[in-house]
Amino acid sequence: RLDLISEGIDLALRVGTMPDSRLLSRKIGDAKMV
């Protein structure tokens, strides 16, 4: 997981938990496990 702030990244797709309070996240879907 790249640091969005230090790397100057505008947007990320992330899977799993979202612990970083400096980030705004929105759940957009689910990934089934097999």
Full PDB file with SEQRES, HELIX, SHEET, SSBOND, CRYST1, ORIGX, SCALE, CONECT and MASTER records, all heavy atoms in Angstrom:
SEQRES   1 A   34  ARG LEU ASP LEU ILE SER GLU GLY ILE ASP LEU ALA LEU          
SEQRES   2 A   34  ARG VAL GLY THR MET PRO ASP SER ARG LEU LEU SER ARG          
SEQRES   3 A   34  LYS ILE GLY ASP ALA LYS MET VAL                              
CRYST1    1.000    1.000    1.000  90.00  90.00  90.00 P 1           1          
ORIGX1      1.000000  0.000000  0.000000        0.00000                         
ORIGX2      0.000000  1.000000  0.000000        0.00000                         
ORIGX3      0.000000  0.000000  1.000000        0.00000                         
SCALE1      1.000000  0.000000  0.000000        0.00000                         
SCALE2      0.000000  1.000000  0.000000        0.00000                         
SCALE3      0.000000  0.000000  1.000000        0.00000                         
ATOM      1  N   ARG A   1       0.843  -1.192   0.000  1.00  0.00           N  
ATOM      2  CA  ARG A   1       0.000   0.000   0.000  1.00  0.00           C  
ATOM      3  C   ARG A   1       0.881   1.246   0.000  1.00  0.00           C  
ATOM      4  O   ARG A   1       1.605   1.507   0.959  1.00  0.00           O  
ATOM      5  CB  ARG A   1      -0.917   0.012   1.230  1.00  0.00           C  
ATOM      6  CG  ARG A   1      -2.061  -0.989   1.144  1.00  0.00           C  
ATOM      7  CD  ARG A   1      -3.045  -0.797   2.274  1.00  0.00           C  
ATOM      8  NE  ARG A   1      -4.217  -1.643   2.094  1.00  0.00           N  
ATOM      9  CZ  ARG A   1      -5.286  -1.625   2.885  1.00  0.00           C  
ATOM     10  NH1 ARG A   1      -5.317  -0.807   3.925  1.00  0.00           N  
ATOM     11  NH2 ARG A   1      -6.308  -2.424   2.648  1.00  0.00           N  
ATOM     12  N   LEU A   2       0.816   2.011  -1.077  1.00  0.00           N  
ATOM     13  CA  LEU A   2       1.612   3.227  -1.172  1.00  0.00           C  
ATOM     14  C   LEU A   2       0.986   4.319  -0.316  1.00  0.00           C  
ATOM     15  O   LEU A   2      -0.232   4.381  -0.153  1.00  0.00           O  
ATOM     16  CB  LEU A   2       1.688   3.686  -2.630  1.00  0.00           C  
ATOM     17  CG  LEU A   2       2.291   2.686  -3.627  1.00  0.00           C  
ATOM     18  CD1 LEU A   2       2.291   3.281  -5.032  1.00  0.00           C  
ATOM     19  CD2 LEU A   2       3.696   2.282  -3.215  1.00  0.00           C  
ATOM     20  N   ASP A   3       1.822   5.196   0.227  1.00  0.00           N  
ATOM     21  CA  ASP A   3       1.347   6.326   1.028  1.00  0.00           C  
ATOM     22  C   ASP A   3       0.826   7.407   0.078  1.00  0.00           C  
ATOM     23  O   ASP A   3       1.596   8.001  -0.668  1.00  0.00           O  
ATOM     24  CB  ASP A   3       2.482   6.864   1.893  1.00  0.00           C  
ATOM     25  CG  ASP A   3       2.002   7.926   2.872  1.00  0.00           C  
ATOM     26  OD1 ASP A   3       1.509   8.975   2.418  1.00  0.00           O  
ATOM     27  OD2 ASP A   3       2.115   7.709   4.092  1.00  0.00           O  
ATOM     28  N   LEU A   4      -0.482   7.647   0.114  1.00  0.00           N  
ATOM     29  CA  LEU A   4      -1.079   8.582  -0.839  1.00  0.00           C  
ATOM     30  C   LEU A   4      -0.554   9.994  -0.658  1.00  0.00           C  
ATOM     31  O   LEU A   4      -0.370  10.732  -1.638  1.00  0.00           O  
ATOM     32  CB  LEU A   4      -2.605   8.580  -0.699  1.00  0.00           C  
ATOM     33  CG  LEU A   4      -3.341   7.244  -0.849  1.00  0.00           C  
ATOM     34  CD1 LEU A   4      -4.836   7.491  -1.036  1.00  0.00           C  
ATOM     35  CD2 LEU A   4      -2.795   6.431  -2.001  1.00  0.00           C  
ATOM     36  N   ILE A   5      -0.313  10.382   0.579  1.00  0.00           N  
ATOM     37  CA  ILE A   5       0.086  11.764   0.839  1.00  0.00           C  
ATOM     38  C   ILE A   5       1.533  11.996   0.431  1.00  0.00           C  
ATOM     39  O   ILE A   5       1.836  12.919  -0.329  1.00  0.00           O  
ATOM     40  CB  ILE A   5      -0.138  12.101   2.328  1.00  0.00           C  
ATOM     41  CG1 ILE A   5      -1.631  12.054   2.647  1.00  0.00           C  
ATOM     42  CG2 ILE A   5       0.421  13.487   2.659  1.00  0.00           C  
ATOM     43  CD1 ILE A   5      -1.982  12.198   4.097  1.00  0.00           C  
ATOM     44  N   SER A   6       2.450  11.148   0.891  1.00  0.00           N  
ATOM     45  CA  SER A   6       3.858  11.362   0.554  1.00  0.00           C  
ATOM     46  C   SER A   6       4.147  11.125  -0.921  1.00  0.00           C  
ATOM     47  O   SER A   6       5.065  11.723  -1.479  1.00  0.00           O  
ATOM     48  CB  SER A   6       4.754  10.458   1.415  1.00  0.00           C  
ATOM     49  OG  SER A   6       4.534   9.098   1.111  1.00  0.00           O  
ATOM     50  N   GLU A   7       3.356  10.267  -1.574  1.00  0.00           N  
ATOM     51  CA  GLU A   7       3.563   9.968  -2.993  1.00  0.00           C  
ATOM     52  C   GLU A   7       2.757  10.880  -3.912  1.00  0.00           C  
ATOM     53  O   GLU A   7       2.874  10.778  -5.130  1.00  0.00           O  
ATOM     54  CB  GLU A   7       3.196   8.507  -3.281  1.00  0.00           C  
ATOM     55  CG  GLU A   7       4.061   7.476  -2.577  1.00  0.00           C  
ATOM     56  CD  GLU A   7       5.436   7.337  -3.197  1.00  0.00           C  
ATOM     57  OE1 GLU A   7       5.626   7.826  -4.330  1.00  0.00           O  
ATOM     58  OE2 GLU A   7       6.323   6.761  -2.546  1.00  0.00           O  
ATOM     59  N   GLY A   8       1.942  11.747  -3.333  1.00  0.00           N  
ATOM     60  CA  GLY A   8       1.145  12.660  -4.157  1.00  0.00           C  
ATOM     61  C   GLY A   8       0.122  11.952  -5.015  1.00  0.00           C  
ATOM     62  O   GLY A   8      -0.136  12.339  -6.155  1.00  0.00           O  
ATOM     63  N   ILE A   9      -0.501  10.897  -4.469  1.00  0.00           N  
ATOM     64  CA  ILE A   9      -1.467  10.093  -5.209  1.00  0.00           C  
ATOM     65  C   ILE A   9      -2.876  10.613  -4.938  1.00  0.00           C  
ATOM     66  O   ILE A   9      -3.238  10.898  -3.793  1.00  0.00           O  
ATOM     67  CB  ILE A   9      -1.342   8.611  -4.820  1.00  0.00           C  
ATOM     68  CG1 ILE A   9       0.048   8.090  -5.224  1.00  0.00           C  
ATOM     69  CG2 ILE A   9      -2.431   7.766  -5.470  1.00  0.00           C  
ATOM     70  CD1 ILE A   9       0.365   6.706  -4.708  1.00  0.00           C  
ATOM     71  N   ASP A  10      -3.672  10.729  -5.990  1.00  0.00           N  
ATOM     72  CA  ASP A  10      -5.015  11.295  -5.876  1.00  0.00           C  
ATOM     73  C   ASP A  10      -6.063  10.286  -5.428  1.00  0.00           C  
ATOM     74  O   ASP A  10      -7.018  10.646  -4.723  1.00  0.00           O  
ATOM     75  CB  ASP A  10      -5.455  11.873  -7.233  1.00  0.00           C  
ATOM     76  CG  ASP A  10      -4.523  12.958  -7.732  1.00  0.00           C  
ATOM     77  OD1 ASP A  10      -4.322  13.934  -6.989  1.00  0.00           O  
ATOM     78  OD2 ASP A  10      -3.994  12.825  -8.851  1.00  0.00           O  
ATOM     79  N   LEU A  11      -5.910   9.037  -5.852  1.00  0.00           N  
ATOM     80  CA  LEU A  11      -6.988   8.063  -5.669  1.00  0.00           C  
ATOM     81  C   LEU A  11      -6.392   6.659  -5.598  1.00  0.00           C  
ATOM     82  O   LEU A  11      -5.417   6.352  -6.280  1.00  0.00           O  
ATOM     83  CB  LEU A  11      -7.958   8.158  -6.856  1.00  0.00           C  
ATOM     84  CG  LEU A  11      -9.302   7.449  -6.767  1.00  0.00           C  
ATOM     85  CD1 LEU A  11     -10.141   8.006  -5.620  1.00  0.00           C  
ATOM     86  CD2 LEU A  11     -10.054   7.610  -8.089  1.00  0.00           C  
ATOM     87  N   ALA A  12      -7.000   5.813  -4.764  1.00  0.00           N  
ATOM     88  CA  ALA A  12      -6.525   4.433  -4.643  1.00  0.00           C  
ATOM     89  C   ALA A  12      -7.709   3.486  -4.584  1.00  0.00           C  
ATOM     90  O   ALA A  12      -8.759   3.811  -4.028  1.00  0.00           O  
ATOM     91  CB  ALA A  12      -5.669   4.263  -3.389  1.00  0.00           C  
ATOM     92  N   LEU A  13      -7.529   2.305  -5.171  1.00  0.00           N  
ATOM     93  CA  LEU A  13      -8.449   1.189  -4.971  1.00  0.00           C  
ATOM     94  C   LEU A  13      -7.789   0.290  -3.937  1.00  0.00           C  
ATOM     95  O   LEU A  13      -6.654  -0.143  -4.118  1.00  0.00           O  
ATOM     96  CB  LEU A  13      -8.664   0.421  -6.270  1.00  0.00           C  
ATOM     97  CG  LEU A  13      -9.669  -0.743  -6.159  1.00  0.00           C  
ATOM     98  CD1 LEU A  13     -11.081  -0.209  -6.289  1.00  0.00           C  
ATOM     99  CD2 LEU A  13      -9.408  -1.797  -7.218  1.00  0.00           C  
ATOM    100  N   ARG A  14      -8.490   0.018  -2.836  1.00  0.00           N  
ATOM    101  CA  ARG A  14      -7.915  -0.800  -1.779  1.00  0.00           C  
ATOM    102  C   ARG A  14      -8.887  -1.881  -1.350  1.00  0.00           C  
ATOM    103  O   ARG A  14     -10.104  -1.677  -1.364  1.00  0.00           O  
ATOM    104  CB  ARG A  14      -7.494   0.063  -0.592  1.00  0.00           C  
ATOM    105  CG  ARG A  14      -6.258   0.886  -0.931  1.00  0.00           C  
ATOM    106  CD  ARG A  14      -5.625   1.545   0.236  1.00  0.00           C  
ATOM    107  NE  ARG A  14      -4.326   2.103  -0.134  1.00  0.00           N  
ATOM    108  CZ  ARG A  14      -3.657   2.953   0.599  1.00  0.00           C  
ATOM    109  NH1 ARG A  14      -4.141   3.353   1.764  1.00  0.00           N  
ATOM    110  NH2 ARG A  14      -2.483   3.417   0.194  1.00  0.00           N  
ATOM    111  N   VAL A  15      -8.316  -3.001  -0.967  1.00  0.00           N  
ATOM    112  CA  VAL A  15      -9.095  -4.184  -0.601  1.00  0.00           C  
ATOM    113  C   VAL A  15      -8.825  -4.509   0.861  1.00  0.00           C  
ATOM    114  O   VAL A  15      -7.669  -4.568   1.279  1.00  0.00           O  
ATOM    115  CB  VAL A  15      -8.722  -5.377  -1.498  1.00  0.00           C  
ATOM    116  CG1 VAL A  15      -9.553  -6.592  -1.137  1.00  0.00           C  
ATOM    117  CG2 VAL A  15      -8.890  -5.024  -2.974  1.00  0.00           C  
ATOM    118  N   GLY A  16      -9.905  -4.703   1.648  1.00  0.00           N  
ATOM    119  CA  GLY A  16      -9.743  -5.055   3.054  1.00  0.00           C  
ATOM    120  C   GLY A  16      -9.997  -3.883   3.970  1.00  0.00           C  
ATOM    121  O   GLY A  16     -10.688  -2.921   3.623  1.00  0.00           O  
ATOM    122  N   THR A  17      -9.411  -3.933   5.163  1.00  0.00           N  
ATOM    123  CA  THR A  17      -9.663  -2.918   6.184  1.00  0.00           C  
ATOM    124  C   THR A  17      -8.995  -1.598   5.826  1.00  0.00           C  
ATOM    125  O   THR A  17      -8.008  -1.564   5.094  1.00  0.00           O  
ATOM    126  CB  THR A  17      -9.144  -3.390   7.547  1.00  0.00           C  
ATOM    127  OG1 THR A  17      -7.741  -3.708   7.428  1.00  0.00           O  
ATOM    128  CG2 THR A  17      -9.897  -4.626   8.018  1.00  0.00           C  
ATOM    129  N   MET A  18      -9.540  -0.511   6.383  1.00  0.00           N  
ATOM    130  CA  MET A  18      -9.044   0.828   6.096  1.00  0.00           C  
ATOM    131  C   MET A  18      -8.668   1.537   7.396  1.00  0.00           C  
ATOM    132  O   MET A  18      -9.457   2.279   7.961  1.00  0.00           O  
ATOM    133  CB  MET A  18     -10.121   1.632   5.352  1.00  0.00           C  
ATOM    134  CG  MET A  18     -10.504   1.055   4.007  1.00  0.00           C  
ATOM    135  SD  MET A  18      -9.085   0.882   2.917  1.00  0.00           S  
ATOM    136  CE  MET A  18      -8.413   2.521   3.009  1.00  0.00           C  
ATOM    137  N   PRO A  19      -7.445   1.333   7.907  1.00  0.00           N  
ATOM    138  CA  PRO A  19      -7.095   1.885   9.216  1.00  0.00           C  
ATOM    139  C   PRO A  19      -6.604   3.330   9.205  1.00  0.00           C  
ATOM    140  O   PRO A  19      -6.536   3.953  10.246  1.00  0.00           O  
ATOM    141  CB  PRO A  19      -5.971   0.954   9.676  1.00  0.00           C  
ATOM    142  CG  PRO A  19      -5.311   0.533   8.391  1.00  0.00           C  
ATOM    143  CD  PRO A  19      -6.420   0.450   7.375  1.00  0.00           C  
ATOM    144  N   ASP A  20      -6.220   3.888   8.052  1.00  0.00           N  
ATOM    145  CA  ASP A  20      -5.554   5.189   8.006  1.00  0.00           C  
ATOM    146  C   ASP A  20      -6.566   6.325   8.102  1.00  0.00           C  
ATOM    147  O   ASP A  20      -7.330   6.569   7.165  1.00  0.00           O  
ATOM    148  CB  ASP A  20      -4.733   5.319   6.714  1.00  0.00           C  
ATOM    149  CG  ASP A  20      -3.733   6.464   6.777  1.00  0.00           C  
ATOM    150  OD1 ASP A  20      -3.978   7.417   7.535  1.00  0.00           O  
ATOM    151  OD2 ASP A  20      -2.718   6.405   6.084  1.00  0.00           O  
ATOM    152  N   SER A  21      -6.565   7.069   9.223  1.00  0.00           N  
ATOM    153  CA  SER A  21      -7.543   8.133   9.441  1.00  0.00           C  
ATOM    154  C   SER A  21      -7.267   9.377   8.609  1.00  0.00           C  
ATOM    155  O   SER A  21      -8.094  10.282   8.549  1.00  0.00           O  
ATOM    156  CB  SER A  21      -7.575   8.510  10.928  1.00  0.00           C  
ATOM    157  OG  SER A  21      -6.306   8.992  11.343  1.00  0.00           O  
ATOM    158  N   ARG A  22      -6.088   9.448   7.971  1.00  0.00           N  
ATOM    159  CA  ARG A  22      -5.793  10.597   7.111  1.00  0.00           C  
ATOM    160  C   ARG A  22      -6.473  10.469   5.754  1.00  0.00           C  
ATOM    161  O   ARG A  22      -6.371  11.368   4.925  1.00  0.00           O  
ATOM    162  CB  ARG A  22      -4.284  10.714   6.896  1.00  0.00           C  
ATOM    163  CG  ARG A  22      -3.456  10.930   8.153  1.00  0.00           C  
ATOM    164  CD  ARG A  22      -1.986  10.919   7.806  1.00  0.00           C  
ATOM    165  NE  ARG A  22      -1.614   9.652   7.176  1.00  0.00           N  
ATOM    166  CZ  ARG A  22      -0.488   9.466   6.492  1.00  0.00           C  
ATOM    167  NH1 ARG A  22       0.355  10.460   6.339  1.00  0.00           N  
ATOM    168  NH2 ARG A  22      -0.224   8.291   5.954  1.00  0.00           N  
ATOM    169  N   LEU A  23      -7.160   9.348   5.532  1.00  0.00           N  
ATOM    170  CA  LEU A  23      -7.744   9.074   4.230  1.00  0.00           C  
ATOM    171  C   LEU A  23      -9.263   9.043   4.310  1.00  0.00           C  
ATOM    172  O   LEU A  23      -9.841   8.671   5.323  1.00  0.00           O  
ATOM    173  CB  LEU A  23      -7.232   7.728   3.700  1.00  0.00           C  
ATOM    174  CG  LEU A  23      -5.711   7.567   3.619  1.00  0.00           C  
ATOM    175  CD1 LEU A  23      -5.360   6.160   3.181  1.00  0.00           C  
ATOM    176  CD2 LEU A  23      -5.102   8.600   2.690  1.00  0.00           C  
ATOM    177  N   LEU A  24      -9.880   9.444   3.219  1.00  0.00           N  
ATOM    178  CA  LEU A  24     -11.327   9.331   3.075  1.00  0.00           C  
ATOM    179  C   LEU A  24     -11.609   8.105   2.224  1.00  0.00           C  
ATOM    180  O   LEU A  24     -11.051   7.966   1.134  1.00  0.00           O  
ATOM    181  CB  LEU A  24     -11.898  10.580   2.393  1.00  0.00           C  
ATOM    182  CG  LEU A  24     -11.690  11.907   3.126  1.00  0.00           C  
ATOM    183  CD1 LEU A  24     -12.173  13.067   2.257  1.00  0.00           C  
ATOM    184  CD2 LEU A  24     -12.410  11.911   4.467  1.00  0.00           C  
ATOM    185  N   SER A  25     -12.430   7.209   2.726  1.00  0.00           N  
ATOM    186  CA  SER A  25     -12.700   5.982   1.976  1.00  0.00           C  
ATOM    187  C   SER A  25     -14.191   5.810   1.753  1.00  0.00           C  
ATOM    188  O   SER A  25     -15.013   6.242   2.557  1.00  0.00           O  
ATOM    189  CB  SER A  25     -12.132   4.761   2.706  1.00  0.00           C  
ATOM    190  OG  SER A  25     -12.816   4.546   3.926  1.00  0.00           O  
ATOM    191  N   ARG A  26     -14.511   5.160   0.663  1.00  0.00           N  
ATOM    192  CA  ARG A  26     -15.895   4.832   0.344  1.00  0.00           C  
ATOM    193  C   ARG A  26     -15.946   3.396  -0.158  1.00  0.00           C  
ATOM    194  O   ARG A  26     -15.253   3.043  -1.114  1.00  0.00           O  
ATOM    195  CB  ARG A  26     -16.443   5.771  -0.726  1.00  0.00           C  
ATOM    196  CG  ARG A  26     -17.849   5.387  -1.193  1.00  0.00           C  
ATOM    197  CD  ARG A  26     -18.459   6.426  -2.086  1.00  0.00           C  
ATOM    198  NE  ARG A  26     -19.761   5.995  -2.587  1.00  0.00           N  
ATOM    199  CZ  ARG A  26     -20.576   6.764  -3.314  1.00  0.00           C  
ATOM    200  NH1 ARG A  26     -20.216   7.994  -3.613  1.00  0.00           N  
ATOM    201  NH2 ARG A  26     -21.730   6.288  -3.733  1.00  0.00           N  
ATOM    202  N   LYS A  27     -16.750   2.580   0.506  1.00  0.00           N  
ATOM    203  CA  LYS A  27     -16.903   1.204   0.051  1.00  0.00           C  
ATOM    204  C   LYS A  27     -17.690   1.197  -1.254  1.00  0.00           C  
ATOM    205  O   LYS A  27     -18.754   1.801  -1.353  1.00  0.00           O  
ATOM    206  CB  LYS A  27     -17.627   0.362   1.101  1.00  0.00           C  
ATOM    207  CG  LYS A  27     -17.793  -1.085   0.677  1.00  0.00           C  
ATOM    208  CD  LYS A  27     -18.562  -1.900   1.703  1.00  0.00           C  
ATOM    209  CE  LYS A  27     -18.845  -3.302   1.160  1.00  0.00           C  
ATOM    210  NZ  LYS A  27     -19.599  -4.141   2.104  1.00  0.00           N  
ATOM    211  N   ILE A  28     -17.145   0.501  -2.258  1.00  0.00           N  
ATOM    212  CA  ILE A  28     -17.807   0.481  -3.566  1.00  0.00           C  
ATOM    213  C   ILE A  28     -18.194  -0.924  -4.009  1.00  0.00           C  
ATOM    214  O   ILE A  28     -18.897  -1.093  -5.008  1.00  0.00           O  
ATOM    215  CB  ILE A  28     -16.919   1.126  -4.647  1.00  0.00           C  
ATOM    216  CG1 ILE A  28     -15.600   0.354  -4.808  1.00  0.00           C  
ATOM    217  CG2 ILE A  28     -16.648   2.584  -4.322  1.00  0.00           C  
ATOM    218  CD1 ILE A  28     -14.783   0.788  -6.008  1.00  0.00           C  
ATOM    219  N   GLY A  29     -17.735  -1.957  -3.282  1.00  0.00           N  
ATOM    220  CA  GLY A  29     -18.077  -3.304  -3.703  1.00  0.00           C  
ATOM    221  C   GLY A  29     -17.497  -4.350  -2.772  1.00  0.00           C  
ATOM    222  O   GLY A  29     -16.921  -4.040  -1.724  1.00  0.00           O  
ATOM    223  N   ASP A  30     -17.681  -5.594  -3.168  1.00  0.00           N  
ATOM    224  CA  ASP A  30     -17.191  -6.740  -2.404  1.00  0.00           C  
ATOM    225  C   ASP A  30     -16.437  -7.680  -3.327  1.00  0.00           C  
ATOM    226  O   ASP A  30     -16.751  -7.789  -4.512  1.00  0.00           O  
ATOM    227  CB  ASP A  30     -18.351  -7.518  -1.771  1.00  0.00           C  
ATOM    228  CG  ASP A  30     -19.155  -6.678  -0.800  1.00  0.00           C  
ATOM    229  OD1 ASP A  30     -18.608  -6.337   0.256  1.00  0.00           O  
ATOM    230  OD2 ASP A  30     -20.323  -6.361  -1.107  1.00  0.00           O  
ATOM    231  N   ALA A  31     -15.464  -8.372  -2.742  1.00  0.00           N  
ATOM    232  CA  ALA A  31     -14.719  -9.397  -3.475  1.00  0.00           C  
ATOM    233  C   ALA A  31     -14.916 -10.739  -2.779  1.00  0.00           C  
ATOM    234  O   ALA A  31     -14.545 -10.900  -1.612  1.00  0.00           O  
ATOM    235  CB  ALA A  31     -13.238  -9.040  -3.537  1.00  0.00           C  
ATOM    236  N   LYS A  32     -15.525 -11.691  -3.486  1.00  0.00           N  
ATOM    237  CA  LYS A  32     -15.737 -13.021  -2.922  1.00  0.00           C  
ATOM    238  C   LYS A  32     -14.414 -13.767  -2.822  1.00  0.00           C  
ATOM    239  O   LYS A  32     -13.546 -13.636  -3.680  1.00  0.00           O  
ATOM    240  CB  LYS A  32     -16.712 -13.808  -3.803  1.00  0.00           C  
ATOM    241  CG  LYS A  32     -18.115 -13.232  -3.854  1.00  0.00           C  
ATOM    242  CD  LYS A  32     -19.059 -14.106  -4.667  1.00  0.00           C  
ATOM    243  CE  LYS A  32     -18.679 -14.093  -6.142  1.00  0.00           C  
ATOM    244  NZ  LYS A  32     -19.669 -14.845  -6.971  1.00  0.00           N  
ATOM    245  N   MET A  33     -14.291 -14.566  -1.765  1.00  0.00           N  
ATOM    246  CA  MET A  33     -13.103 -15.397  -1.571  1.00  0.00           C  
ATOM    247  C   MET A  33     -13.433 -16.842  -1.946  1.00  0.00           C  
ATOM    248  O   MET A  33     -14.559 -17.305  -1.738  1.00  0.00           O  
ATOM    249  CB  MET A  33     -12.634 -15.328  -0.126  1.00  0.00           C  
ATOM    250  CG  MET A  33     -12.235 -13.940   0.346  1.00  0.00           C  
ATOM    251  SD  MET A  33     -10.765 -13.312  -0.491  1.00  0.00           S  
ATOM    252  CE  MET A  33      -9.501 -14.402   0.182  1.00  0.00           C  
ATOM    253  N   VAL A  34     -12.449 -17.554  -2.486  1.00  0.00           N  
ATOM    254  CA  VAL A  34     -12.663 -18.955  -2.867  1.00  0.00           C  
ATOM    255  C   VAL A  34     -11.483 -19.807  -2.409  1.00  0.00           C  
ATOM    256  O   VAL A  34     -10.329 -19.379  -2.433  1.00  0.00           O  
ATOM    257  CB  VAL A  34     -12.844 -19.119  -4.394  1.00  0.00           C  
ATOM    258  CG1 VAL A  34     -14.161 -18.506  -4.846  1.00  0.00           C  
ATOM    259  CG2 VAL A  34     -11.677 -18.517  -5.167  1.00  0.00           C  
TER     260      VAL A  34                                                      
MASTER        0    0    0    0    0    0    0    6  259    1    0    3          
END                                                                             
